[in-house]
N, C-alpha and C. Protein backbone atom coordinates (compact mmCIF):
# COMPACT_ATOMS: atom_id res chain seq x y z
N MET A 1 -110.48 55.83 -49.75
CA MET A 1 -110.13 55.06 -48.57
C MET A 1 -108.78 55.53 -48.04
N ARG A 2 -108.71 55.79 -46.75
CA ARG A 2 -107.48 56.25 -46.13
C ARG A 2 -106.50 55.12 -45.91
N ALA A 3 -105.23 55.43 -46.06
CA ALA A 3 -104.19 54.44 -45.76
C ALA A 3 -104.08 54.29 -44.25
N ALA A 4 -103.82 53.08 -43.79
CA ALA A 4 -103.65 52.82 -42.37
C ALA A 4 -102.38 53.51 -41.88
N PRO A 5 -102.40 53.99 -40.64
CA PRO A 5 -101.19 54.62 -40.12
C PRO A 5 -100.07 53.60 -39.98
N SER A 6 -98.85 54.02 -40.24
CA SER A 6 -97.72 53.12 -40.04
C SER A 6 -97.19 53.32 -38.63
N VAL A 7 -96.86 52.22 -37.96
CA VAL A 7 -96.42 52.26 -36.58
C VAL A 7 -94.91 52.43 -36.54
N LEU A 8 -94.50 53.41 -35.76
CA LEU A 8 -93.08 53.64 -35.53
C LEU A 8 -92.73 53.11 -34.15
N SER A 9 -91.47 53.07 -33.81
CA SER A 9 -91.09 52.59 -32.49
C SER A 9 -91.55 53.56 -31.41
N GLY A 10 -91.73 53.04 -30.19
CA GLY A 10 -92.09 53.88 -29.06
C GLY A 10 -93.54 54.32 -29.03
N GLY A 11 -94.43 53.61 -29.71
CA GLY A 11 -95.85 53.96 -29.67
C GLY A 11 -96.21 55.15 -30.53
N ALA A 12 -95.39 55.49 -31.50
CA ALA A 12 -95.69 56.61 -32.39
C ALA A 12 -96.32 56.09 -33.68
N PHE A 13 -97.24 56.86 -34.23
CA PHE A 13 -97.95 56.48 -35.44
C PHE A 13 -97.81 57.61 -36.44
N PHE A 14 -97.14 57.34 -37.56
CA PHE A 14 -96.98 58.35 -38.61
C PHE A 14 -98.20 58.28 -39.51
N LEU A 15 -98.95 59.37 -39.61
CA LEU A 15 -100.17 59.38 -40.40
C LEU A 15 -99.97 59.98 -41.78
N LYS A 16 -99.41 61.14 -41.84
CA LYS A 16 -99.09 61.81 -43.10
C LYS A 16 -98.13 62.94 -42.78
N GLU A 17 -97.69 63.62 -43.78
CA GLU A 17 -96.72 64.71 -43.61
C GLU A 17 -97.12 65.63 -42.44
N GLY A 18 -96.25 65.72 -41.45
CA GLY A 18 -96.45 66.63 -40.34
C GLY A 18 -97.31 66.11 -39.20
N ILE A 19 -97.91 64.93 -39.34
CA ILE A 19 -98.74 64.39 -38.26
C ILE A 19 -98.14 63.07 -37.78
N CYS A 20 -97.71 63.07 -36.54
CA CYS A 20 -97.17 61.87 -35.91
C CYS A 20 -97.78 61.77 -34.52
N LEU A 21 -98.70 60.84 -34.36
CA LEU A 21 -99.37 60.67 -33.07
C LEU A 21 -98.57 59.75 -32.17
N THR A 22 -98.50 60.11 -30.89
CA THR A 22 -97.73 59.34 -29.92
C THR A 22 -98.60 59.03 -28.72
N LEU A 23 -98.58 57.77 -28.27
CA LEU A 23 -99.29 57.38 -27.06
C LEU A 23 -98.56 57.93 -25.85
N THR A 24 -99.35 58.35 -24.85
CA THR A 24 -98.81 58.99 -23.66
C THR A 24 -99.58 58.52 -22.43
N PRO A 25 -98.88 58.07 -21.37
CA PRO A 25 -99.60 57.78 -20.13
C PRO A 25 -100.04 59.09 -19.48
N ILE A 26 -101.27 59.13 -19.00
CA ILE A 26 -101.77 60.35 -18.35
C ILE A 26 -102.53 59.96 -17.10
N ASN A 27 -102.68 60.92 -16.21
CA ASN A 27 -103.44 60.66 -14.99
C ASN A 27 -104.91 61.01 -15.22
N LEU A 28 -105.74 60.62 -14.26
CA LEU A 28 -107.19 60.82 -14.40
C LEU A 28 -107.55 62.31 -14.44
N LYS A 29 -106.86 63.11 -13.67
CA LYS A 29 -107.16 64.55 -13.65
C LYS A 29 -106.98 65.15 -15.04
N THR A 30 -105.89 64.81 -15.72
CA THR A 30 -105.63 65.33 -17.06
C THR A 30 -106.66 64.80 -18.05
N ALA A 31 -106.96 63.50 -17.97
CA ALA A 31 -107.95 62.90 -18.87
C ALA A 31 -109.31 63.53 -18.68
N ASN A 32 -109.73 63.70 -17.43
CA ASN A 32 -111.04 64.29 -17.16
C ASN A 32 -111.12 65.75 -17.60
N ALA A 33 -110.03 66.48 -17.48
CA ALA A 33 -110.02 67.87 -17.97
C ALA A 33 -110.23 67.91 -19.48
N PHE A 34 -109.62 66.96 -20.19
CA PHE A 34 -109.79 66.88 -21.64
C PHE A 34 -111.24 66.52 -21.97
N VAL A 35 -111.81 65.56 -21.25
CA VAL A 35 -113.22 65.17 -21.47
C VAL A 35 -114.13 66.35 -21.20
N GLN A 36 -113.89 67.06 -20.12
CA GLN A 36 -114.73 68.22 -19.77
C GLN A 36 -114.73 69.25 -20.91
N GLN A 37 -113.59 69.43 -21.54
CA GLN A 37 -113.47 70.44 -22.59
C GLN A 37 -113.99 69.97 -23.94
N HIS A 38 -113.86 68.66 -24.26
CA HIS A 38 -114.11 68.22 -25.63
C HIS A 38 -115.26 67.23 -25.84
N HIS A 39 -115.71 66.52 -24.80
CA HIS A 39 -116.71 65.46 -25.06
C HIS A 39 -118.07 66.05 -25.37
N ARG A 40 -118.73 65.46 -26.38
CA ARG A 40 -120.03 65.98 -26.84
C ARG A 40 -121.15 65.78 -25.83
N HIS A 41 -121.15 64.66 -25.11
CA HIS A 41 -122.32 64.37 -24.28
C HIS A 41 -122.04 63.71 -22.94
N HIS A 42 -120.79 63.55 -22.56
CA HIS A 42 -120.49 62.96 -21.25
C HIS A 42 -119.64 63.89 -20.42
N LYS A 43 -119.79 63.72 -19.13
CA LYS A 43 -118.97 64.46 -18.17
C LYS A 43 -117.79 63.57 -17.76
N PRO A 44 -116.84 64.12 -17.02
CA PRO A 44 -115.70 63.33 -16.54
C PRO A 44 -116.15 62.15 -15.68
N THR A 45 -115.25 61.16 -15.54
CA THR A 45 -115.56 59.97 -14.74
C THR A 45 -115.09 60.18 -13.30
N ARG A 46 -115.55 59.31 -12.41
CA ARG A 46 -115.19 59.41 -11.00
C ARG A 46 -113.92 58.64 -10.68
N GLY A 47 -113.60 57.65 -11.47
CA GLY A 47 -112.41 56.84 -11.19
C GLY A 47 -111.96 56.12 -12.45
N HIS A 48 -110.86 55.38 -12.33
CA HIS A 48 -110.36 54.63 -13.49
C HIS A 48 -109.37 53.57 -13.01
N LYS A 49 -109.09 52.64 -13.88
CA LYS A 49 -107.97 51.71 -13.67
C LYS A 49 -106.72 52.34 -14.27
N PHE A 50 -106.88 52.92 -15.47
CA PHE A 50 -105.79 53.65 -16.12
C PHE A 50 -106.36 54.54 -17.21
N SER A 51 -105.56 55.51 -17.63
CA SER A 51 -105.93 56.38 -18.75
C SER A 51 -104.77 56.45 -19.71
N ILE A 52 -105.09 56.67 -20.98
CA ILE A 52 -104.08 56.77 -22.03
C ILE A 52 -104.37 58.04 -22.82
N GLY A 53 -103.32 58.74 -23.18
CA GLY A 53 -103.47 59.91 -24.02
C GLY A 53 -102.81 59.66 -25.36
N VAL A 54 -103.19 60.44 -26.35
CA VAL A 54 -102.51 60.43 -27.64
C VAL A 54 -102.20 61.89 -27.97
N SER A 55 -100.97 62.13 -28.37
CA SER A 55 -100.51 63.49 -28.62
C SER A 55 -100.04 63.65 -30.06
N ASP A 56 -100.19 64.85 -30.57
CA ASP A 56 -99.67 65.23 -31.89
C ASP A 56 -98.63 66.31 -31.66
N ASN A 57 -97.38 65.95 -31.89
CA ASN A 57 -96.26 66.89 -31.67
C ASN A 57 -96.31 67.51 -30.27
N GLY A 58 -96.62 66.69 -29.27
CA GLY A 58 -96.60 67.14 -27.88
C GLY A 58 -97.91 67.69 -27.35
N ALA A 59 -98.88 67.95 -28.22
CA ALA A 59 -100.17 68.48 -27.78
C ALA A 59 -101.17 67.33 -27.65
N LEU A 60 -101.82 67.24 -26.50
CA LEU A 60 -102.81 66.19 -26.26
C LEU A 60 -103.99 66.36 -27.20
N VAL A 61 -104.32 65.30 -27.98
CA VAL A 61 -105.43 65.37 -28.93
C VAL A 61 -106.52 64.34 -28.64
N GLY A 62 -106.29 63.46 -27.66
CA GLY A 62 -107.30 62.47 -27.32
C GLY A 62 -106.96 61.71 -26.05
N VAL A 63 -108.00 61.16 -25.41
CA VAL A 63 -107.81 60.39 -24.19
C VAL A 63 -108.76 59.19 -24.18
N ALA A 64 -108.33 58.14 -23.51
CA ALA A 64 -109.18 56.99 -23.21
C ALA A 64 -109.10 56.78 -21.70
N ILE A 65 -110.26 56.70 -21.06
CA ILE A 65 -110.33 56.43 -19.63
C ILE A 65 -110.93 55.03 -19.47
N CYS A 66 -110.17 54.14 -18.86
CA CYS A 66 -110.55 52.73 -18.76
C CYS A 66 -110.76 52.34 -17.30
N GLY A 67 -111.83 51.60 -17.05
CA GLY A 67 -112.13 51.20 -15.68
C GLY A 67 -113.00 49.96 -15.63
N ARG A 68 -113.56 49.73 -14.47
CA ARG A 68 -114.45 48.59 -14.28
C ARG A 68 -115.72 48.80 -15.10
N PRO A 69 -116.32 47.72 -15.56
CA PRO A 69 -117.59 47.87 -16.29
C PRO A 69 -118.65 48.51 -15.41
N VAL A 70 -119.41 49.42 -15.99
CA VAL A 70 -120.49 50.07 -15.25
C VAL A 70 -121.59 49.05 -14.92
N ALA A 71 -121.89 48.16 -15.87
CA ALA A 71 -122.91 47.12 -15.64
C ALA A 71 -122.34 46.07 -14.69
N ARG A 72 -122.95 45.94 -13.53
CA ARG A 72 -122.42 45.03 -12.50
C ARG A 72 -122.28 43.59 -12.99
N ARG A 73 -123.21 43.14 -13.80
CA ARG A 73 -123.16 41.74 -14.24
C ARG A 73 -121.98 41.45 -15.16
N LEU A 74 -121.39 42.50 -15.74
CA LEU A 74 -120.21 42.32 -16.60
C LEU A 74 -118.90 42.47 -15.84
N ASP A 75 -118.98 42.87 -14.57
CA ASP A 75 -117.78 43.11 -13.76
C ASP A 75 -117.32 41.79 -13.14
N ASP A 76 -116.66 40.97 -13.97
CA ASP A 76 -116.20 39.65 -13.53
C ASP A 76 -114.73 39.63 -13.11
N GLY A 77 -114.07 40.76 -13.11
CA GLY A 77 -112.66 40.84 -12.76
C GLY A 77 -111.73 40.67 -13.95
N TYR A 78 -112.27 40.22 -15.08
CA TYR A 78 -111.46 40.01 -16.29
C TYR A 78 -111.95 40.83 -17.48
N THR A 79 -112.92 41.71 -17.21
CA THR A 79 -113.48 42.57 -18.25
C THR A 79 -113.19 44.01 -17.88
N LEU A 80 -112.69 44.76 -18.84
CA LEU A 80 -112.40 46.18 -18.66
C LEU A 80 -113.32 46.97 -19.58
N GLU A 81 -113.74 48.15 -19.16
CA GLU A 81 -114.57 49.00 -20.01
C GLU A 81 -113.82 50.29 -20.35
N VAL A 82 -113.86 50.67 -21.61
CA VAL A 82 -113.42 52.01 -22.00
C VAL A 82 -114.60 52.91 -21.65
N ASN A 83 -114.50 53.57 -20.49
CA ASN A 83 -115.61 54.37 -19.98
C ASN A 83 -115.77 55.70 -20.71
N ARG A 84 -114.68 56.27 -21.15
CA ARG A 84 -114.72 57.49 -21.95
C ARG A 84 -113.61 57.42 -22.99
N LEU A 85 -113.95 57.84 -24.19
CA LEU A 85 -112.95 58.05 -25.24
C LEU A 85 -113.32 59.36 -25.89
N CYS A 86 -112.35 60.25 -25.97
CA CYS A 86 -112.63 61.60 -26.44
C CYS A 86 -111.42 62.13 -27.19
N THR A 87 -111.67 62.73 -28.35
CA THR A 87 -110.59 63.37 -29.11
C THR A 87 -111.03 64.75 -29.55
N ASP A 88 -110.09 65.48 -30.10
CA ASP A 88 -110.42 66.79 -30.67
C ASP A 88 -110.75 66.69 -32.15
N GLY A 89 -110.90 65.46 -32.65
CA GLY A 89 -111.22 65.25 -34.05
C GLY A 89 -110.03 64.87 -34.91
N THR A 90 -108.85 64.75 -34.31
CA THR A 90 -107.65 64.36 -35.06
C THR A 90 -107.88 62.99 -35.70
N PRO A 91 -107.66 62.87 -37.01
CA PRO A 91 -107.86 61.59 -37.70
C PRO A 91 -107.06 60.45 -37.06
N ASN A 92 -107.70 59.30 -36.93
CA ASN A 92 -107.13 58.05 -36.43
C ASN A 92 -106.86 58.03 -34.93
N ALA A 93 -107.07 59.13 -34.23
CA ALA A 93 -106.80 59.16 -32.79
C ALA A 93 -107.70 58.18 -32.04
N CYS A 94 -108.97 58.09 -32.41
CA CYS A 94 -109.89 57.17 -31.72
C CYS A 94 -109.44 55.72 -31.87
N SER A 95 -109.17 55.29 -33.09
CA SER A 95 -108.80 53.89 -33.30
C SER A 95 -107.47 53.56 -32.62
N ILE A 96 -106.53 54.51 -32.62
CA ILE A 96 -105.25 54.29 -31.94
C ILE A 96 -105.49 54.11 -30.44
N LEU A 97 -106.37 54.91 -29.85
CA LEU A 97 -106.67 54.79 -28.42
C LEU A 97 -107.41 53.50 -28.09
N TYR A 98 -108.39 53.12 -28.90
CA TYR A 98 -109.09 51.86 -28.65
C TYR A 98 -108.14 50.67 -28.72
N ALA A 99 -107.26 50.66 -29.70
CA ALA A 99 -106.29 49.57 -29.83
C ALA A 99 -105.32 49.56 -28.65
N ALA A 100 -104.85 50.74 -28.24
CA ALA A 100 -103.93 50.83 -27.11
C ALA A 100 -104.58 50.39 -25.81
N ALA A 101 -105.85 50.73 -25.63
CA ALA A 101 -106.58 50.31 -24.42
C ALA A 101 -106.65 48.79 -24.34
N TYR A 102 -106.90 48.14 -25.48
CA TYR A 102 -106.96 46.68 -25.50
C TYR A 102 -105.59 46.08 -25.17
N ARG A 103 -104.54 46.60 -25.80
CA ARG A 103 -103.19 46.07 -25.54
C ARG A 103 -102.79 46.23 -24.08
N ALA A 104 -103.10 47.38 -23.50
CA ALA A 104 -102.79 47.62 -22.08
C ALA A 104 -103.59 46.67 -21.19
N ALA A 105 -104.87 46.50 -21.51
CA ALA A 105 -105.72 45.60 -20.72
C ALA A 105 -105.20 44.17 -20.78
N ARG A 106 -104.83 43.72 -21.96
CA ARG A 106 -104.30 42.36 -22.10
C ARG A 106 -103.00 42.20 -21.30
N ALA A 107 -102.15 43.21 -21.31
CA ALA A 107 -100.89 43.15 -20.55
C ALA A 107 -101.16 43.06 -19.05
N MET A 108 -102.32 43.57 -18.60
CA MET A 108 -102.68 43.54 -17.19
C MET A 108 -103.49 42.30 -16.82
N GLY A 109 -103.75 41.41 -17.79
CA GLY A 109 -104.45 40.16 -17.51
C GLY A 109 -105.94 40.15 -17.81
N TYR A 110 -106.47 41.23 -18.35
CA TYR A 110 -107.89 41.24 -18.73
C TYR A 110 -108.08 40.39 -19.98
N ASN A 111 -109.25 39.73 -20.07
CA ASN A 111 -109.57 38.89 -21.22
C ASN A 111 -110.43 39.61 -22.26
N LYS A 112 -111.09 40.68 -21.83
CA LYS A 112 -112.08 41.31 -22.70
C LYS A 112 -112.15 42.80 -22.38
N VAL A 113 -112.32 43.60 -23.44
CA VAL A 113 -112.54 45.04 -23.29
C VAL A 113 -113.86 45.36 -23.98
N ILE A 114 -114.71 46.11 -23.28
CA ILE A 114 -115.99 46.53 -23.84
C ILE A 114 -116.08 48.04 -23.84
N THR A 115 -116.96 48.55 -24.67
CA THR A 115 -117.30 49.97 -24.66
C THR A 115 -118.66 50.13 -25.31
N TYR A 116 -119.25 51.28 -25.11
CA TYR A 116 -120.57 51.59 -25.65
C TYR A 116 -120.49 52.87 -26.47
N ILE A 117 -121.24 52.88 -27.57
CA ILE A 117 -121.38 54.10 -28.36
C ILE A 117 -122.86 54.31 -28.64
N LEU A 118 -123.23 55.53 -28.99
CA LEU A 118 -124.62 55.81 -29.34
C LEU A 118 -124.99 55.05 -30.60
N ASP A 119 -126.24 54.62 -30.70
CA ASP A 119 -126.65 53.83 -31.86
C ASP A 119 -126.66 54.62 -33.16
N THR A 120 -126.47 55.92 -33.08
CA THR A 120 -126.36 56.74 -34.29
C THR A 120 -124.92 56.86 -34.77
N GLU A 121 -123.96 56.33 -34.02
CA GLU A 121 -122.55 56.35 -34.41
C GLU A 121 -122.23 55.05 -35.14
N ASN A 122 -121.35 55.10 -36.14
CA ASN A 122 -121.13 53.92 -36.99
C ASN A 122 -120.05 52.97 -36.49
N GLY A 123 -119.26 53.35 -35.52
CA GLY A 123 -118.26 52.43 -34.98
C GLY A 123 -117.04 52.23 -35.84
N ALA A 124 -116.76 53.11 -36.78
CA ALA A 124 -115.63 52.94 -37.69
C ALA A 124 -114.30 52.81 -36.94
N SER A 125 -114.10 53.62 -35.91
CA SER A 125 -112.85 53.55 -35.14
C SER A 125 -112.73 52.24 -34.39
N LEU A 126 -113.85 51.75 -33.89
CA LEU A 126 -113.84 50.46 -33.18
C LEU A 126 -113.55 49.32 -34.14
N LYS A 127 -114.17 49.35 -35.30
CA LYS A 127 -113.89 48.32 -36.32
C LYS A 127 -112.41 48.34 -36.70
N ALA A 128 -111.86 49.53 -36.89
CA ALA A 128 -110.45 49.66 -37.27
C ALA A 128 -109.52 49.11 -36.20
N ALA A 129 -109.96 49.16 -34.93
CA ALA A 129 -109.15 48.66 -33.82
C ALA A 129 -109.42 47.19 -33.52
N GLY A 130 -110.29 46.55 -34.31
CA GLY A 130 -110.54 45.12 -34.15
C GLY A 130 -111.67 44.74 -33.21
N TYR A 131 -112.50 45.69 -32.82
CA TYR A 131 -113.65 45.39 -31.96
C TYR A 131 -114.82 44.93 -32.82
N THR A 132 -115.73 44.17 -32.23
CA THR A 132 -116.94 43.74 -32.92
C THR A 132 -118.17 44.20 -32.14
N CYS A 133 -119.23 44.48 -32.88
CA CYS A 133 -120.47 44.94 -32.27
C CYS A 133 -121.27 43.76 -31.75
N GLU A 134 -121.71 43.84 -30.50
CA GLU A 134 -122.56 42.81 -29.91
C GLU A 134 -124.03 43.17 -30.02
N GLY A 135 -124.33 44.34 -30.57
CA GLY A 135 -125.72 44.73 -30.76
C GLY A 135 -126.14 45.81 -29.78
N ARG A 136 -127.44 46.07 -29.78
CA ARG A 136 -127.99 47.12 -28.91
C ARG A 136 -127.85 46.71 -27.46
N ALA A 137 -127.54 47.70 -26.66
CA ALA A 137 -127.39 47.46 -25.22
C ALA A 137 -127.75 48.74 -24.49
N GLY A 138 -128.04 48.60 -23.23
CA GLY A 138 -128.42 49.78 -22.47
C GLY A 138 -129.82 50.19 -22.83
N GLY A 139 -130.21 51.30 -22.37
CA GLY A 139 -131.57 51.75 -22.64
C GLY A 139 -131.65 53.25 -22.69
N LEU A 140 -132.85 53.71 -22.74
CA LEU A 140 -133.07 55.15 -22.80
C LEU A 140 -132.96 55.79 -21.43
N GLU A 141 -133.13 54.98 -20.39
CA GLU A 141 -133.07 55.50 -19.02
C GLU A 141 -132.25 54.55 -18.16
N TRP A 142 -131.70 55.10 -17.10
CA TRP A 142 -130.99 54.29 -16.11
C TRP A 142 -132.01 53.60 -15.24
N ASN A 143 -131.65 52.43 -14.74
CA ASN A 143 -132.48 51.79 -13.74
C ASN A 143 -131.60 51.51 -12.53
N GLY A 144 -132.20 51.33 -11.38
CA GLY A 144 -131.42 51.07 -10.18
C GLY A 144 -131.17 52.34 -9.38
N ALA A 145 -130.50 52.16 -8.26
CA ALA A 145 -130.29 53.23 -7.30
C ALA A 145 -129.24 54.25 -7.75
N LYS A 146 -128.37 53.89 -8.68
CA LYS A 146 -127.28 54.78 -9.09
C LYS A 146 -127.63 55.62 -10.31
N ALA A 147 -128.89 55.88 -10.54
CA ALA A 147 -129.31 56.71 -11.67
C ALA A 147 -128.69 58.10 -11.54
N PRO A 148 -128.35 58.73 -12.66
CA PRO A 148 -127.76 60.08 -12.60
C PRO A 148 -128.67 61.06 -11.89
N LYS A 149 -128.07 61.97 -11.15
CA LYS A 149 -128.85 62.96 -10.40
C LYS A 149 -129.46 64.02 -11.31
N GLN A 150 -128.80 64.31 -12.43
CA GLN A 150 -129.30 65.32 -13.35
C GLN A 150 -129.91 64.64 -14.57
N ALA A 151 -131.08 65.06 -14.96
CA ALA A 151 -131.79 64.43 -16.07
C ALA A 151 -131.02 64.52 -17.39
N ASP A 152 -130.26 65.59 -17.59
CA ASP A 152 -129.54 65.77 -18.85
C ASP A 152 -128.09 65.30 -18.80
N GLN A 153 -127.74 64.54 -17.76
CA GLN A 153 -126.35 64.13 -17.59
C GLN A 153 -125.89 63.15 -18.67
N TYR A 154 -126.79 62.32 -19.17
CA TYR A 154 -126.46 61.35 -20.20
C TYR A 154 -127.52 61.42 -21.29
N PRO A 155 -127.14 61.16 -22.54
CA PRO A 155 -128.13 61.23 -23.61
C PRO A 155 -129.18 60.13 -23.49
N ARG A 156 -130.43 60.48 -23.69
CA ARG A 156 -131.53 59.51 -23.66
C ARG A 156 -131.62 58.88 -25.05
N GLN A 157 -130.70 57.96 -25.30
CA GLN A 157 -130.58 57.35 -26.62
C GLN A 157 -130.04 55.93 -26.45
N MET A 158 -130.46 55.02 -27.33
CA MET A 158 -129.95 53.65 -27.27
C MET A 158 -128.46 53.62 -27.59
N LYS A 159 -127.80 52.61 -27.08
CA LYS A 159 -126.38 52.43 -27.33
C LYS A 159 -126.14 51.06 -27.96
N THR A 160 -124.95 50.88 -28.51
CA THR A 160 -124.50 49.56 -28.94
C THR A 160 -123.25 49.22 -28.14
N ARG A 161 -123.12 47.93 -27.80
CA ARG A 161 -121.93 47.48 -27.06
C ARG A 161 -120.95 46.84 -28.04
N TRP A 162 -119.69 47.22 -27.90
CA TRP A 162 -118.61 46.70 -28.72
C TRP A 162 -117.64 45.96 -27.82
N VAL A 163 -117.02 44.91 -28.35
CA VAL A 163 -116.13 44.08 -27.55
C VAL A 163 -114.92 43.64 -28.37
N LYS A 164 -113.82 43.48 -27.67
CA LYS A 164 -112.64 42.84 -28.23
C LYS A 164 -112.17 41.85 -27.19
N LYS A 165 -112.12 40.57 -27.58
CA LYS A 165 -111.80 39.49 -26.65
C LYS A 165 -110.45 38.87 -26.96
N LYS A 166 -109.89 38.27 -25.92
CA LYS A 166 -108.69 37.47 -26.08
C LYS A 166 -109.00 36.34 -27.06
N GLU A 167 -108.05 36.05 -27.94
CA GLU A 167 -108.27 34.97 -28.92
C GLU A 167 -108.61 33.67 -28.20
N GLY A 168 -109.56 32.96 -28.76
CA GLY A 168 -109.97 31.68 -28.19
C GLY A 168 -111.00 31.81 -27.09
N LEU A 169 -111.36 33.03 -26.70
CA LEU A 169 -112.35 33.27 -25.66
C LEU A 169 -113.71 33.42 -26.33
N HIS A 170 -114.63 32.56 -26.00
CA HIS A 170 -115.98 32.61 -26.60
C HIS A 170 -117.00 32.84 -25.50
N GLY A 171 -118.18 33.22 -25.90
CA GLY A 171 -119.26 33.45 -24.93
C GLY A 171 -119.10 34.78 -24.25
N SER A 172 -119.60 34.88 -23.03
CA SER A 172 -119.61 36.16 -22.31
C SER A 172 -118.32 36.56 -21.74
């Protein structure tokens, strides 16, 4: 079992000898370029509310792109979605980004942060960041007028929805 990273001042996380991850504000262009280069199955997003980067000794090793929920029924003005999270495989980068996205969302007045992962992924980074699984969500195909134009644009696989809510907030 790995030891949890220790938090240093200024958003830095000391992991082990020689590895110190630091949170970094980034713009959408930079985040999307990272997604284009490193994400296994998604393309860059069209917009965002904000993006967060995590760096190792100044080199960008991961990004989180946060925006409005894609599912219209979840877009209540108080719910934020982590639309893309992508790293180069640096240990703990995913959980640091998920936790940072929640803290930033709460500071902006959001009550809940959601995200989706493929049902073949175990959610370890989300669990480490305090998110809980709400179960299977989404489907194998898009429905509605905004379906992707390219058949291979998104994986035809079930997803699970994960959520982290403001304390004391129950229900949807």
